[in-house]
Amino acid sequence: MSAAFDHLIVLVHDLDAAARDFEKLGFTISERHDSVAGSMENRFISFADGSYLLLSAFADPAAAEKHRLGPLLQRGEGWADYSFAIAGIEEITAQLQAQHAPIRGPVQVSNTVASGENWSLDLLMTGIGAGGDDALPFIVEDRAGRMHRIPAAPHHRNGATGIAGVRVATPSADTVIQTLQAILGEAIALSRTEAHGRPATRLSFGTGWVEVFEDLSVNNGTGGLFEAVIATPIAQQDPDPKLTHGAAIRFVVPAGS
């Protein structure tokens, strides 16, 4: 199995306003026009490493009531969920079932873009929507048309090239770490680290990492994704949370840049 970040979801009330604010931060916004509209409207911030940020708003209040992420927006805008792109979703499903870990899926998701090309993927939920810990991700495996699912990566004025890592909060770090190990496979490294003056466990895989904090106070008393670290060769200040609509972002210059 090989794992990489697929995308992170920023849930907002006003999609156009969020897109304008992220543009002010130096991100370039892209769109994808599907032939069949879903329950959410989206804008994309695509990166050169193949990952992206997804700015999302519900199409209407009824859609929010039915969606697994609907309750999160009641707490306010900000990070909602994160995902990995992994080959071998059936193997991961079997491993998680053997651990008696909560899962939902895999389910097939597909659509056709306005220009006629198809995209499809299998999606497996392990956290929100599956009854698992909110700090756990969902997993996607592309079946067709990834190049049509994700808009091509443009140039970003802030130099952003990809997702370096994410930070999640949980009341049960051991459970989250065990599940992430099953998802990411054996080719990961665990280490102790610290951020925001609090200890965490870092799981490193490929070029990315996830830091797990057994401390809900880092996320206003709730579990889940609370911060993303974006790679850029340009040293700069971290963005104003007002412009990121509550989705905390930090920039990092990778070694050797």
Protein backbone atom coordinates (compact mmCIF):
# COMPACT_ATOMS: atom_id res chain seq x y z
CA MET A 1 0.00 0.00 0.00
CA SER A 2 1.15 3.53 -0.76
CA ALA A 3 -0.53 6.46 0.94
CA ALA A 4 -0.66 10.18 0.23
CA PHE A 5 -2.92 13.00 1.26
CA ASP A 6 -5.89 13.28 -1.07
CA HIS A 7 -7.74 16.34 0.26
CA LEU A 8 -8.79 18.30 3.31
CA ILE A 9 -12.28 19.79 3.64
CA VAL A 10 -12.95 23.35 4.80
CA LEU A 11 -16.66 23.70 5.58
CA VAL A 12 -18.08 27.22 5.11
CA HIS A 13 -21.40 29.05 4.96
CA ASP A 14 -20.69 31.29 1.97
CA LEU A 15 -18.61 29.57 -0.70
CA ASP A 16 -17.99 32.66 -2.83
CA ALA A 17 -16.84 34.67 0.19
CA ALA A 18 -14.50 31.87 1.26
CA ALA A 19 -13.03 31.62 -2.23
CA ARG A 20 -12.34 35.37 -2.26
CA ASP A 21 -10.67 35.21 1.15
CA PHE A 22 -8.42 32.30 0.21
CA GLU A 23 -7.46 34.16 -2.94
CA LYS A 24 -6.37 37.07 -0.74
CA LEU A 25 -4.02 34.62 0.99
CA GLY A 26 -2.32 33.81 -2.32
CA PHE A 27 -4.17 30.62 -3.23
CA THR A 28 -5.56 30.11 -6.73
CA ILE A 29 -9.12 28.77 -6.78
CA SER A 30 -10.34 26.23 -9.34
CA GLU A 31 -13.74 24.74 -10.13
CA ARG A 32 -15.03 21.43 -11.42
CA HIS A 33 -18.34 21.34 -13.24
CA ASP A 34 -20.10 18.01 -12.74
CA SER A 35 -23.11 17.00 -14.81
CA VAL A 36 -24.99 15.85 -11.69
CA ALA A 37 -25.10 18.29 -8.78
CA GLY A 38 -24.45 16.91 -5.31
CA SER A 39 -25.48 18.00 -1.83
CA MET A 40 -22.41 20.25 -1.56
CA GLU A 41 -20.95 23.03 -3.69
CA ASN A 42 -17.16 23.08 -3.91
CA ARG A 43 -14.11 25.07 -4.90
CA PHE A 44 -10.66 23.51 -5.26
CA ILE A 45 -7.18 24.58 -4.21
CA SER A 46 -5.07 22.04 -6.10
CA PHE A 47 -1.39 21.47 -5.35
CA ALA A 48 1.55 20.18 -7.36
CA ASP A 49 1.90 17.12 -5.08
CA GLY A 50 -1.55 15.88 -6.19
CA SER A 51 -3.42 16.87 -3.03
CA TYR A 52 -5.92 19.69 -2.60
CA LEU A 53 -8.01 21.73 -0.20
CA LEU A 54 -11.74 21.56 -0.81
CA LEU A 55 -13.80 24.60 0.13
CA SER A 56 -17.32 23.25 0.65
CA ALA A 57 -20.77 24.65 1.40
CA PHE A 58 -24.08 22.82 1.55
CA ALA A 59 -26.41 23.39 -1.38
CA ASP A 60 -29.34 23.98 1.00
CA PRO A 61 -30.32 23.44 4.67
CA ALA A 62 -31.99 20.12 3.86
CA ALA A 63 -28.72 18.81 2.44
CA ALA A 64 -26.88 19.78 5.61
CA GLU A 65 -29.39 17.91 7.77
CA LYS A 66 -28.78 14.68 5.87
CA HIS A 67 -25.00 14.92 5.46
CA ARG A 68 -22.47 13.36 7.84
CA LEU A 69 -20.65 16.72 8.10
CA GLY A 70 -23.81 18.74 8.72
CA PRO A 71 -23.48 18.84 12.54
CA LEU A 72 -19.95 20.26 12.25
CA LEU A 73 -21.14 23.43 10.56
CA GLN A 74 -23.44 24.09 13.51
CA ARG A 75 -20.26 24.59 15.56
CA GLY A 76 -18.93 27.06 13.03
CA GLU A 77 -16.84 27.18 9.88
CA GLY A 78 -13.46 25.47 9.66
CA TRP A 79 -11.82 22.12 9.11
CA ALA A 80 -14.29 19.27 8.69
CA ASP A 81 -12.37 16.17 7.59
CA TYR A 82 -9.28 14.86 5.82
CA SER A 83 -8.53 11.98 3.49
CA PHE A 84 -5.84 9.75 2.05
CA ALA A 85 -5.53 8.37 -1.46
CA ILE A 86 -4.47 4.75 -1.11
CA ALA A 87 -4.24 1.79 -3.46
CA GLY A 88 -5.69 -1.38 -1.92
CA ILE A 89 -8.84 -0.18 -0.19
CA GLU A 90 -10.17 -3.75 0.05
CA GLU A 91 -7.10 -4.81 2.03
CA ILE A 92 -7.47 -1.87 4.39
CA THR A 93 -11.15 -2.64 4.86
CA ALA A 94 -10.30 -6.22 5.82
CA GLN A 95 -7.62 -5.09 8.28
CA LEU A 96 -9.97 -2.63 9.98
CA GLN A 97 -12.73 -5.23 10.16
CA ALA A 98 -10.26 -7.62 11.81
CA GLN A 99 -9.53 -4.92 14.41
CA HIS A 100 -13.29 -4.39 14.91
CA ALA A 101 -12.74 -0.75 14.00
CA PRO A 102 -15.83 1.24 12.98
CA ILE A 103 -16.06 1.67 9.20
CA ARG A 104 -18.63 2.58 6.58
CA GLY A 105 -18.14 1.49 2.99
CA PRO A 106 -16.42 1.23 0.68
CA VAL A 107 -19.05 3.04 -1.40
CA GLN A 108 -18.65 4.03 -5.03
CA VAL A 109 -18.79 7.72 -5.94
CA SER A 110 -18.80 8.82 -9.55
CA ASN A 111 -19.80 11.63 -11.87
CA THR A 112 -19.26 13.07 -15.32
CA VAL A 113 -17.74 16.50 -15.81
CA ALA A 114 -19.35 18.99 -18.16
CA SER A 115 -16.85 18.20 -20.93
CA GLY A 116 -17.96 14.56 -20.91
CA GLU A 117 -15.17 12.75 -19.04
CA ASN A 118 -15.97 10.36 -16.19
CA TRP A 119 -14.38 9.99 -12.80
CA SER A 120 -15.07 7.40 -10.13
CA LEU A 121 -13.65 6.29 -6.80
CA ASP A 122 -14.28 4.02 -3.84
CA LEU A 123 -14.67 5.76 -0.49
CA LEU A 124 -14.20 4.25 2.97
CA MET A 125 -15.11 6.20 6.11
CA THR A 126 -13.34 5.41 9.38
CA GLY A 127 -14.17 8.46 11.49
CA ILE A 128 -17.01 10.93 10.96
CA GLY A 129 -19.95 9.14 9.40
CA ALA A 130 -18.71 5.70 10.46
CA GLY A 131 -19.09 6.04 14.21
CA GLY A 132 -15.33 6.23 14.65
CA ASP A 133 -13.15 8.86 16.28
CA ASP A 134 -13.50 12.30 14.64
CA ALA A 135 -9.69 12.42 14.37
CA LEU A 136 -9.72 9.56 11.84
CA PRO A 137 -9.78 10.14 8.06
CA PHE A 138 -11.72 8.80 5.16
CA ILE A 139 -9.95 6.92 2.37
CA VAL A 140 -10.35 7.11 -1.37
CA GLU A 141 -9.10 4.87 -4.15
CA ASP A 142 -9.52 6.21 -7.67
CA ARG A 143 -11.04 3.79 -10.15
CA ALA A 144 -11.09 6.10 -13.18
CA GLY A 145 -10.46 9.69 -14.17
CA ARG A 146 -8.46 11.13 -11.28
CA MET A 147 -7.21 13.79 -13.70
CA HIS A 148 -10.84 14.80 -14.24
CA ARG A 149 -11.80 14.58 -10.55
CA ILE A 150 -9.10 17.01 -9.45
CA PRO A 151 -8.52 20.26 -11.38
CA ALA A 152 -4.94 20.72 -12.57
CA ALA A 153 -2.63 22.41 -10.07
CA PRO A 154 -2.18 26.09 -10.91
CA HIS A 155 0.49 28.48 -9.67
CA HIS A 156 -0.23 29.93 -6.22
CA ARG A 157 1.12 33.39 -5.38
CA ASN A 158 2.05 32.17 -1.90
CA GLY A 159 4.13 29.38 -3.46
CA ALA A 160 2.07 26.55 -1.91
CA THR A 161 3.06 23.16 -3.34
CA GLY A 162 1.25 20.63 -1.15
CA ILE A 163 0.09 19.37 2.22
CA ALA A 164 3.06 18.68 4.50
CA GLY A 165 1.01 17.39 7.42
CA VAL A 166 -2.09 17.67 9.57
CA ARG A 167 -2.77 17.88 13.29
CA VAL A 168 -5.70 16.12 14.93
CA ALA A 169 -7.10 16.07 18.45
CA THR A 170 -8.65 13.06 20.20
CA PRO A 171 -9.53 11.84 23.68
CA SER A 172 -8.02 8.44 22.78
CA ALA A 173 -4.66 8.70 21.02
CA ASP A 174 -3.93 4.96 21.19
CA THR A 175 -7.10 4.09 19.26
CA VAL A 176 -6.44 6.71 16.59
CA ILE A 177 -2.79 5.72 16.19
CA GLN A 178 -3.65 2.01 15.91
CA THR A 179 -6.22 2.73 13.21
CA LEU A 180 -3.89 5.07 11.30
CA GLN A 181 -1.21 2.37 11.38
CA ALA A 182 -3.64 -0.07 9.76
CA ILE A 183 -4.55 2.50 7.12
CA LEU A 184 -1.05 3.73 6.31
CA GLY A 185 0.67 0.36 6.44
CA GLU A 186 3.99 -0.71 7.87
CA ALA A 187 6.11 1.87 6.05
CA ILE A 188 5.53 4.56 8.66
CA ALA A 189 7.62 5.95 11.49
CA LEU A 190 6.36 6.99 14.92
CA SER A 191 8.03 9.74 16.91
CA ARG A 192 7.28 12.09 19.76
CA THR A 193 6.99 15.76 18.96
CA GLU A 194 5.48 18.97 20.31
CA ALA A 195 3.40 21.81 18.90
CA HIS A 196 1.43 24.59 20.53
CA GLY A 197 3.26 23.74 23.76
CA ARG A 198 1.68 20.28 23.91
CA PRO A 199 3.10 16.80 23.24
CA ALA A 200 1.96 14.72 20.28
CA THR A 201 2.74 11.53 18.41
CA ARG A 202 3.80 11.97 14.79
CA LEU A 203 3.11 9.26 12.21
CA SER A 204 5.32 9.90 9.17
CA PHE A 205 4.58 8.31 5.80
CA GLY A 206 6.07 9.10 2.41
CA THR A 207 6.49 12.87 2.37
CA GLY A 208 3.66 13.58 4.82
CA TRP A 209 2.75 13.21 8.48
CA VAL A 210 -0.13 13.21 10.94
CA GLU A 211 0.34 14.50 14.48
CA VAL A 212 -2.05 13.09 17.07
CA PHE A 213 -2.78 15.12 20.21
CA GLU A 214 -4.53 13.48 23.15
CA ASP A 215 -5.74 16.90 24.23
CA LEU A 216 -9.06 18.37 23.09
CA SER A 217 -8.14 21.83 24.39
CA VAL A 218 -6.04 22.37 21.24
CA ASN A 219 -9.30 22.28 19.27
CA ASN A 220 -11.69 24.22 21.49
CA GLY A 221 -12.73 21.10 23.37
CA THR A 222 -13.63 18.96 20.36
CA GLY A 223 -11.89 16.18 18.47
CA GLY A 224 -10.88 16.06 14.83
CA LEU A 225 -8.68 17.90 12.37
CA PHE A 226 -7.66 21.29 13.73
CA GLU A 227 -4.63 22.44 11.73
CA ALA A 228 -3.00 21.86 8.35
CA VAL A 229 0.63 22.58 7.49
CA ILE A 230 1.14 23.65 3.89
CA ALA A 231 4.50 23.37 2.13
CA THR A 232 5.87 26.42 0.30
CA PRO A 233 9.39 27.54 -0.65
CA ILE A 234 8.48 31.09 0.38
CA ALA A 235 8.92 31.94 4.06
CA GLN A 236 5.82 33.82 5.25
CA GLN A 237 3.54 34.46 8.18
CA ASP A 238 0.73 32.08 8.97
CA PRO A 239 -2.59 33.31 7.56
CA ASP A 240 -5.27 35.13 9.52
CA PRO A 241 -7.89 32.56 10.71
CA LYS A 242 -10.61 35.03 9.71
CA LEU A 243 -9.53 34.70 6.08
CA THR A 244 -9.29 30.90 6.34
CA HIS A 245 -12.80 30.78 7.84
CA GLY A 246 -11.62 29.12 11.02
CA ALA A 247 -9.42 26.52 9.31
CA ALA A 248 -6.03 27.03 10.99
CA ILE A 249 -3.15 26.87 8.50
CA ARG A 250 0.58 27.06 9.00
CA PHE A 251 3.17 27.41 6.27
CA VAL A 252 6.45 25.51 6.33
CA VAL A 253 9.48 25.70 4.07
CA PRO A 254 10.61 22.09 3.42
CA ALA A 255 14.26 21.25 4.00
CA GLY A 256 16.29 21.75 0.86
CA SER A 257 13.90 24.29 -0.66
